[in-house]
């Protein structure tokens, strides 16, 4: 009888094993045909909102940064594209009519440079800055708000700017992922900041869903994410006002209507001066958040963090089941404040992590 019970248990285990395996959260991101821990940092810009499109792009600085990241064992950087919408896409009044003169060519050159040094890029389209209250551009931020709230304006952006960009760059090996937003919660009614105009999270969710669907319809093999400012907007396990996972498949489909407009992995940011240990990826492993997709910690400072020395932050995320660590940011290396120390510290951490786990981090594109 005992043998029969054991046999029955094994049969049940085998029957449910595929479901069990599928439900387990992965801690790697597929890049260049490899499953990797994304180790690196944010560019996030050389020239804020002007790195692609009209005007000159300082490609020499991009090459310098990619070479440095590669030298220290990193594999990924995160670049902001439209950002606030002042330089790209191209507008006619409040209609998007194109990606912006030279935008695709500039971005391809940057991607080619990343490829040269075996560094992939997360390409972030928009930031909460698109609804900043104080802007010199007289059309700003009304046209950006229209694009987020009006279906016709969203469709124009997708058709005239987003799809042409994705189509032109389809299959580029240095694209780790497209990212829809940087911290859009900052312009939301639920969480918004004093420096921004506000709109409901439902508008943001709709935009994420529909732009993600367009990207995947154009390039089915590319990954898509969006950057949450906190686990408050990314987990149902946080017990605070308005907190939930706004980017789950269910939430996005309900608000945008596109079945394929769902994320491939989650991205989250964390700064200890804003949040305590309860919202920290450094004090809670990835499984704590109850999410069903890999989680990349895509912004943080290499500073001592609620008792964890800065030297251990990359290692802590790696061992905690996260899928990546991207420090903020390369631009600050010349900052006059204490922020300039974060990038050099991060390079050392990238190197140390690479030496411990090269099989999980080494990226080499195959020509």
Protein backbone atom coordinates (compact mmCIF):
# COMPACT_ATOMS: atom_id res chain seq x y z
CA UNK A 1 0.00 0.00 0.00
CA UNK A 2 2.83 2.40 0.85
CA UNK A 3 4.49 1.61 -2.50
CA UNK A 4 1.17 2.28 -4.26
CA UNK A 5 0.79 5.64 -2.51
CA UNK A 6 4.34 6.61 -3.48
CA UNK A 7 3.67 5.58 -7.07
CA UNK A 8 0.46 7.64 -7.13
CA UNK A 9 2.33 10.65 -5.80
CA UNK A 10 5.00 10.30 -8.49
CA UNK A 11 2.33 10.10 -11.19
CA UNK A 12 0.65 13.25 -9.89
CA UNK A 13 4.02 15.00 -9.68
CA UNK A 14 4.79 14.10 -13.28
CA UNK A 15 1.36 15.24 -14.44
CA UNK A 16 1.67 18.64 -12.78
CA UNK A 17 5.40 19.12 -13.35
CA UNK A 18 5.04 21.10 -16.60
CA UNK A 19 2.64 23.54 -14.93
CA UNK A 20 4.90 23.83 -11.90
CA UNK A 21 7.95 24.49 -14.03
CA UNK A 22 6.16 27.13 -16.07
CA UNK A 23 4.97 28.92 -12.95
CA UNK A 24 8.50 29.35 -11.59
CA UNK A 25 9.97 32.82 -12.07
CA UNK A 26 13.02 32.93 -14.30
CA UNK A 27 15.96 35.09 -13.24
CA UNK A 28 17.57 35.59 -16.66
CA UNK A 29 16.86 37.70 -19.75
CA UNK A 30 17.37 36.37 -23.27
CA UNK A 31 19.90 38.59 -25.09
CA UNK A 32 21.86 37.74 -28.22
CA UNK A 33 20.76 34.13 -28.00
CA UNK A 34 21.99 33.83 -24.40
CA UNK A 35 20.16 33.77 -21.06
CA UNK A 36 21.90 36.43 -19.01
CA UNK A 37 21.84 38.44 -15.82
CA UNK A 38 21.76 42.04 -17.09
CA UNK A 39 24.77 43.68 -15.45
CA UNK A 40 25.53 47.28 -16.29
CA UNK A 41 24.04 50.73 -15.91
CA UNK A 42 22.08 53.64 -17.27
CA UNK A 43 23.55 55.91 -19.88
CA UNK A 44 20.73 57.33 -19.59
CA UNK A 45 21.57 60.20 -21.89
CA UNK A 46 24.58 62.05 -23.22
CA UNK A 47 22.41 65.04 -24.14
CA UNK A 48 19.00 64.91 -22.41
CA UNK A 49 16.23 64.02 -24.90
CA UNK A 50 18.52 64.90 -27.82
CA UNK A 51 20.65 61.81 -28.37
CA UNK A 52 18.66 60.82 -31.45
CA UNK A 53 16.97 62.95 -34.08
CA UNK A 54 17.66 66.57 -35.11
CA UNK A 55 21.02 67.90 -33.97
CA UNK A 56 24.40 66.25 -33.50
CA UNK A 57 24.89 63.03 -31.54
CA UNK A 58 28.15 62.57 -29.66
CA UNK A 59 28.86 59.04 -30.84
CA UNK A 60 32.41 59.21 -29.49
CA UNK A 61 31.07 59.40 -25.94
CA UNK A 62 28.75 56.45 -26.52
CA UNK A 63 31.70 54.43 -27.80
CA UNK A 64 33.79 55.45 -24.79
CA UNK A 65 31.05 54.27 -22.44
CA UNK A 66 30.42 50.96 -24.21
CA UNK A 67 34.13 50.22 -24.22
CA UNK A 68 34.32 50.94 -20.49
CA UNK A 69 31.32 48.76 -19.63
CA UNK A 70 32.78 45.91 -21.65
CA UNK A 71 36.19 46.31 -20.00
CA UNK A 72 34.63 45.87 -16.56
CA UNK A 73 32.50 42.87 -17.49
CA UNK A 74 29.14 44.57 -17.96
CA UNK A 75 26.73 43.55 -20.69
CA UNK A 76 23.85 46.06 -20.75
CA UNK A 77 23.08 49.78 -20.73
CA UNK A 78 19.76 51.62 -20.66
CA UNK A 79 19.19 54.56 -23.02
CA UNK A 80 16.34 57.09 -23.04
CA UNK A 81 15.00 58.07 -26.47
CA UNK A 82 12.04 60.50 -26.83
CA UNK A 83 12.13 61.18 -23.08
CA UNK A 84 9.99 64.34 -22.91
CA UNK A 85 9.12 64.58 -26.61
CA UNK A 86 10.84 67.91 -27.29
CA UNK A 87 13.24 66.59 -29.95
CA UNK A 88 11.60 63.37 -31.10
CA UNK A 89 9.20 62.18 -32.38
CA UNK A 90 8.31 64.71 -35.08
CA UNK A 91 5.12 66.66 -34.37
CA UNK A 92 2.71 68.71 -36.41
CA UNK A 93 0.72 70.60 -33.82
CA UNK A 94 -0.41 67.75 -31.54
CA UNK A 95 -0.08 64.97 -34.14
CA UNK A 96 2.95 62.72 -34.37
CA UNK A 97 3.94 62.58 -38.03
CA UNK A 98 7.27 60.73 -37.89
CA UNK A 99 10.05 59.37 -35.68
CA UNK A 100 12.09 62.53 -36.16
CA UNK A 101 14.68 63.46 -38.76
CA UNK A 102 17.71 61.21 -38.36
CA UNK A 103 16.31 59.45 -35.29
CA UNK A 104 16.45 55.94 -36.73
CA UNK A 105 19.89 56.44 -38.25
CA UNK A 106 21.29 57.83 -34.98
CA UNK A 107 19.84 54.98 -32.96
CA UNK A 108 21.21 52.38 -35.37
CA UNK A 109 24.68 53.90 -35.07
CA UNK A 110 24.46 53.74 -31.26
CA UNK A 111 23.29 50.12 -31.42
CA UNK A 112 26.12 49.27 -33.80
CA UNK A 113 28.60 50.73 -31.33
CA UNK A 114 27.07 48.64 -28.53
CA UNK A 115 27.34 45.57 -30.73
CA UNK A 116 31.02 46.36 -31.42
CA UNK A 117 31.77 46.13 -27.68
CA UNK A 118 29.31 43.32 -26.82
CA UNK A 119 27.01 45.63 -24.88
CA UNK A 120 23.23 45.40 -25.32
CA UNK A 121 20.76 48.26 -24.85
CA UNK A 122 17.38 48.65 -23.20
CA UNK A 123 15.69 51.35 -25.28
CA UNK A 124 13.36 53.48 -23.14
CA UNK A 125 10.89 55.49 -25.22
CA UNK A 126 9.25 57.95 -22.81
CA UNK A 127 9.68 59.39 -19.32
CA UNK A 128 7.36 61.14 -16.86
CA UNK A 129 9.22 64.28 -18.00
CA UNK A 130 6.77 64.41 -20.92
CA UNK A 131 4.22 65.95 -18.52
CA UNK A 132 6.55 68.23 -16.57
CA UNK A 133 4.81 71.46 -15.59
CA UNK A 134 7.68 73.85 -16.32
CA UNK A 135 8.76 73.60 -19.95
CA UNK A 136 9.82 76.27 -22.43
CA UNK A 137 8.25 74.51 -25.41
CA UNK A 138 4.84 76.20 -25.91
CA UNK A 139 3.30 72.96 -27.19
CA UNK A 140 4.48 71.07 -24.15
CA UNK A 141 3.00 69.16 -22.38
CA UNK A 142 -0.45 69.39 -23.98
CA UNK A 143 0.43 67.39 -27.06
CA UNK A 144 2.03 64.66 -24.96
CA UNK A 145 -1.05 64.50 -22.74
CA UNK A 146 -3.26 64.20 -25.83
CA UNK A 147 -1.14 61.32 -27.07
CA UNK A 148 -1.61 59.51 -23.76
CA UNK A 149 -5.33 60.16 -23.37
CA UNK A 150 -6.75 60.20 -26.91
CA UNK A 151 -6.90 56.97 -28.89
CA UNK A 152 -6.52 58.76 -32.23
CA UNK A 153 -3.32 60.47 -31.06
CA UNK A 154 -1.91 57.23 -29.63
CA UNK A 155 -2.57 55.54 -32.96
CA UNK A 156 -0.74 58.30 -34.83
CA UNK A 157 2.33 57.84 -32.63
CA UNK A 158 2.26 54.08 -33.12
CA UNK A 159 1.76 54.21 -36.88
CA UNK A 160 4.00 57.16 -37.75
CA UNK A 161 6.87 56.85 -35.27
CA UNK A 162 6.99 53.66 -33.24
CA UNK A 163 6.39 51.07 -35.95
CA UNK A 164 8.87 52.70 -38.39
CA UNK A 165 11.53 52.65 -35.64
CA UNK A 166 10.92 49.04 -34.66
CA UNK A 167 10.68 47.90 -38.30
CA UNK A 168 13.94 49.60 -39.26
CA UNK A 169 15.83 48.15 -36.28
CA UNK A 170 14.12 44.76 -36.26
CA UNK A 171 16.50 41.94 -35.43
CA UNK A 172 19.38 44.16 -34.32
CA UNK A 173 21.29 41.90 -31.90
CA UNK A 174 22.21 44.75 -29.53
CA UNK A 175 18.58 45.44 -28.58
CA UNK A 176 18.03 43.82 -25.20
CA UNK A 177 14.49 45.21 -25.02
CA UNK A 178 12.23 48.12 -25.81
CA UNK A 179 10.99 49.91 -22.70
CA UNK A 180 7.79 51.96 -22.91
CA UNK A 181 8.16 54.33 -19.95
CA UNK A 182 10.54 55.57 -17.33
CA UNK A 183 8.61 56.00 -14.06
CA UNK A 184 5.24 57.00 -15.55
CA UNK A 185 3.72 56.80 -12.07
CA UNK A 186 5.20 60.25 -11.50
CA UNK A 187 2.58 61.69 -13.85
CA UNK A 188 -0.31 59.62 -12.49
CA UNK A 189 -3.23 60.68 -10.32
CA UNK A 190 -2.54 57.72 -8.06
CA UNK A 191 1.11 58.53 -7.29
CA UNK A 192 1.97 61.75 -9.18
CA UNK A 193 4.53 64.33 -8.19
CA UNK A 194 4.19 68.09 -7.75
CA UNK A 195 6.41 68.75 -10.78
CA UNK A 196 4.10 67.01 -13.26
CA UNK A 197 0.61 67.18 -14.68
CA UNK A 198 -1.45 64.13 -13.75
CA UNK A 199 -3.66 61.61 -15.51
CA UNK A 200 -5.14 58.26 -14.42
CA UNK A 201 -2.94 55.17 -14.36
CA UNK A 202 -5.54 53.63 -16.69
CA UNK A 203 -4.29 55.92 -19.48
CA UNK A 204 -0.73 54.83 -18.84
CA UNK A 205 -1.75 51.17 -18.82
CA UNK A 206 -3.61 51.58 -22.12
CA UNK A 207 -0.59 53.21 -23.72
CA UNK A 208 1.75 50.49 -22.44
CA UNK A 209 -0.55 47.76 -23.73
CA UNK A 210 -1.06 49.21 -27.19
CA UNK A 211 2.53 50.25 -27.84
CA UNK A 212 3.78 46.89 -26.59
CA UNK A 213 1.36 45.10 -28.91
CA UNK A 214 2.57 47.20 -31.86
CA UNK A 215 6.21 46.43 -31.09
CA UNK A 216 5.53 42.70 -30.85
CA UNK A 217 3.44 42.65 -34.02
CA UNK A 218 6.33 44.33 -35.85
CA UNK A 219 9.17 42.33 -34.26
CA UNK A 220 7.82 39.16 -32.61
CA UNK A 221 11.23 38.16 -31.26
CA UNK A 222 12.06 41.34 -29.33
CA UNK A 223 11.43 41.76 -25.59
CA UNK A 224 9.38 44.59 -24.09
CA UNK A 225 9.24 46.02 -20.56
CA UNK A 226 8.37 49.26 -18.76
CA UNK A 227 10.14 50.95 -15.85
CA UNK A 228 8.19 51.25 -12.59
CA UNK A 229 9.40 53.76 -10.02
CA UNK A 230 8.64 51.43 -7.13
CA UNK A 231 7.20 48.06 -6.20
CA UNK A 232 4.13 50.07 -5.16
CA UNK A 233 3.14 49.97 -8.83
CA UNK A 234 4.45 46.48 -9.50
CA UNK A 235 3.32 44.10 -6.79
CA UNK A 236 0.04 42.97 -5.25
CA UNK A 237 2.02 42.08 -2.11
CA UNK A 238 2.58 45.71 -1.07
CA UNK A 239 0.05 46.94 1.48
CA UNK A 240 -0.01 50.67 0.77
CA UNK A 241 -2.57 53.03 -0.75
CA UNK A 242 -3.18 52.42 -4.47
CA UNK A 243 -0.50 49.73 -4.50
CA UNK A 244 -0.88 46.80 -6.90
CA UNK A 245 0.70 45.36 -10.03
CA UNK A 246 -0.50 47.77 -12.71
CA UNK A 247 1.55 45.95 -15.34
CA UNK A 248 0.24 42.40 -15.02
CA UNK A 249 -1.09 40.79 -18.18
CA UNK A 250 -4.64 41.06 -16.84
CA UNK A 251 -4.39 44.77 -15.99
CA UNK A 252 -2.79 45.74 -19.29
CA UNK A 253 -5.22 43.78 -21.45
CA UNK A 254 -8.24 45.10 -19.56
CA UNK A 255 -7.15 48.69 -20.11
CA UNK A 256 -5.70 48.47 -23.62
CA UNK A 257 -7.57 45.59 -25.23
CA UNK A 258 -4.55 43.99 -26.92
CA UNK A 259 -3.93 40.35 -26.00
CA UNK A 260 -0.31 40.50 -27.14
CA UNK A 261 0.37 43.81 -25.39
CA UNK A 262 1.94 42.25 -22.31
CA UNK A 263 5.43 42.60 -20.88
CA UNK A 264 8.19 40.00 -21.10
CA UNK A 265 9.88 41.05 -17.87
CA UNK A 266 9.43 43.68 -15.18
CA UNK A 267 11.73 46.63 -14.45
CA UNK A 268 11.76 48.48 -11.15
CA UNK A 269 13.75 51.30 -9.54
CA UNK A 270 14.83 51.77 -5.95
CA UNK A 271 16.40 54.64 -3.99
CA UNK A 272 16.81 54.33 -0.20
CA UNK A 273 16.18 58.04 0.41
CA UNK A 274 12.62 57.50 -0.89
CA UNK A 275 11.81 54.01 0.36
CA UNK A 276 12.64 51.78 3.29
CA UNK A 277 13.50 48.11 3.57
CA UNK A 278 9.89 47.01 2.96
CA UNK A 279 10.11 48.16 -0.68
CA UNK A 280 13.76 47.28 -1.20
CA UNK A 281 14.94 44.64 -3.68
CA UNK A 282 18.13 44.48 -1.64
CA UNK A 283 16.25 43.35 1.49
CA UNK A 284 13.62 41.16 -0.18
CA UNK A 285 14.37 38.51 -2.75
CA UNK A 286 12.60 38.43 -6.10
CA UNK A 287 10.09 35.77 -5.04
CA UNK A 288 8.84 38.05 -2.25
CA UNK A 289 6.89 40.21 -4.71
CA UNK A 290 4.75 37.37 -6.04
CA UNK A 291 5.48 38.16 -9.68
CA UNK A 292 5.42 35.72 -12.57
CA UNK A 293 8.18 37.25 -14.71
CA UNK A 294 11.86 38.13 -14.31
CA UNK A 295 12.60 41.40 -12.49
CA UNK A 296 15.42 43.75 -13.48
CA UNK A 297 16.39 46.43 -10.96
CA UNK A 298 17.00 49.12 -13.56
CA UNK A 299 17.91 52.13 -11.39
CA UNK A 300 19.70 52.41 -8.05
CA UNK A 301 22.69 54.14 -6.50
CA UNK A 302 25.85 52.28 -5.48
CA UNK A 303 25.61 53.64 -1.95
CA UNK A 304 25.34 51.90 1.40
CA UNK A 305 21.68 50.91 1.50
CA UNK A 306 19.95 50.37 4.84
CA UNK A 307 22.85 48.37 6.24
CA UNK A 308 24.06 46.74 3.02
CA UNK A 309 27.47 48.06 1.89
CA UNK A 310 27.54 49.36 -1.67
CA UNK A 311 30.14 46.74 -2.63
CA UNK A 312 27.52 44.02 -2.24
CA UNK A 313 24.55 45.50 -4.10
CA UNK A 314 25.10 43.82 -7.47
CA UNK A 315 25.91 40.53 -5.75
CA UNK A 316 22.83 40.84 -3.52
CA UNK A 317 20.52 41.23 -6.52
CA UNK A 318 22.18 38.34 -8.34
CA UNK A 319 21.84 36.03 -5.35
CA UNK A 320 18.31 37.28 -4.58
CA UNK A 321 16.89 35.90 -7.80
CA UNK A 322 16.68 39.14 -9.76
CA UNK A 323 17.43 39.25 -13.48
CA UNK A 324 19.58 42.36 -13.64
CA UNK A 325 21.26 45.34 -11.98
CA UNK A 326 21.61 48.68 -13.83
CA UNK A 327 23.11 51.52 -11.80
CA UNK A 328 22.16 55.21 -12.11
CA UNK A 329 24.07 56.60 -14.08
CA UNK A 330 27.06 57.12 -16.40
CA UNK A 331 26.34 60.83 -16.93
CA UNK A 332 26.86 61.51 -13.22
CA UNK A 333 30.52 60.48 -13.35
CA UNK A 334 31.30 64.17 -13.92
CA UNK A 335 28.67 65.42 -11.47
CA UNK A 336 29.90 67.99 -8.95
CA UNK A 337 28.01 66.35 -6.09
CA UNK A 338 28.66 63.00 -4.42
CA UNK A 339 26.76 61.34 -7.30
CA UNK A 340 30.01 61.13 -9.26
CA UNK A 341 31.18 58.19 -7.13
CA UNK A 342 28.34 55.85 -8.10
CA UNK A 343 29.55 55.01 -11.59
CA UNK A 344 33.17 54.11 -10.64
CA UNK A 345 31.82 52.00 -7.78
CA UNK A 346 29.45 50.28 -10.17
CA UNK A 347 32.27 49.42 -12.57
CA UNK A 348 34.13 47.68 -9.78
CA UNK A 349 30.95 45.80 -8.79
CA UNK A 350 30.35 44.74 -12.41
CA UNK A 351 33.91 43.42 -12.61
CA UNK A 352 33.65 41.53 -9.32
CA UNK A 353 30.33 39.95 -10.28
CA UNK A 354 31.65 38.98 -13.70
CA UNK A 355 34.65 37.26 -12.15
CA UNK A 356 32.33 35.27 -9.88
CA UNK A 357 29.72 34.36 -12.52
CA UNK A 358 31.07 34.84 -16.06
CA UNK A 359 28.75 32.14 -17.43
CA UNK A 360 25.72 34.22 -16.40
CA UNK A 361 27.03 37.59 -17.58
CA UNK A 362 29.42 37.22 -20.51
CA UNK A 363 27.81 38.49 -23.71
CA UNK A 364 29.44 37.89 -27.07
CA UNK A 365 27.43 38.65 -30.17
CA UNK A 366 27.72 36.15 -33.00
CA UNK A 367 28.22 37.85 -36.38
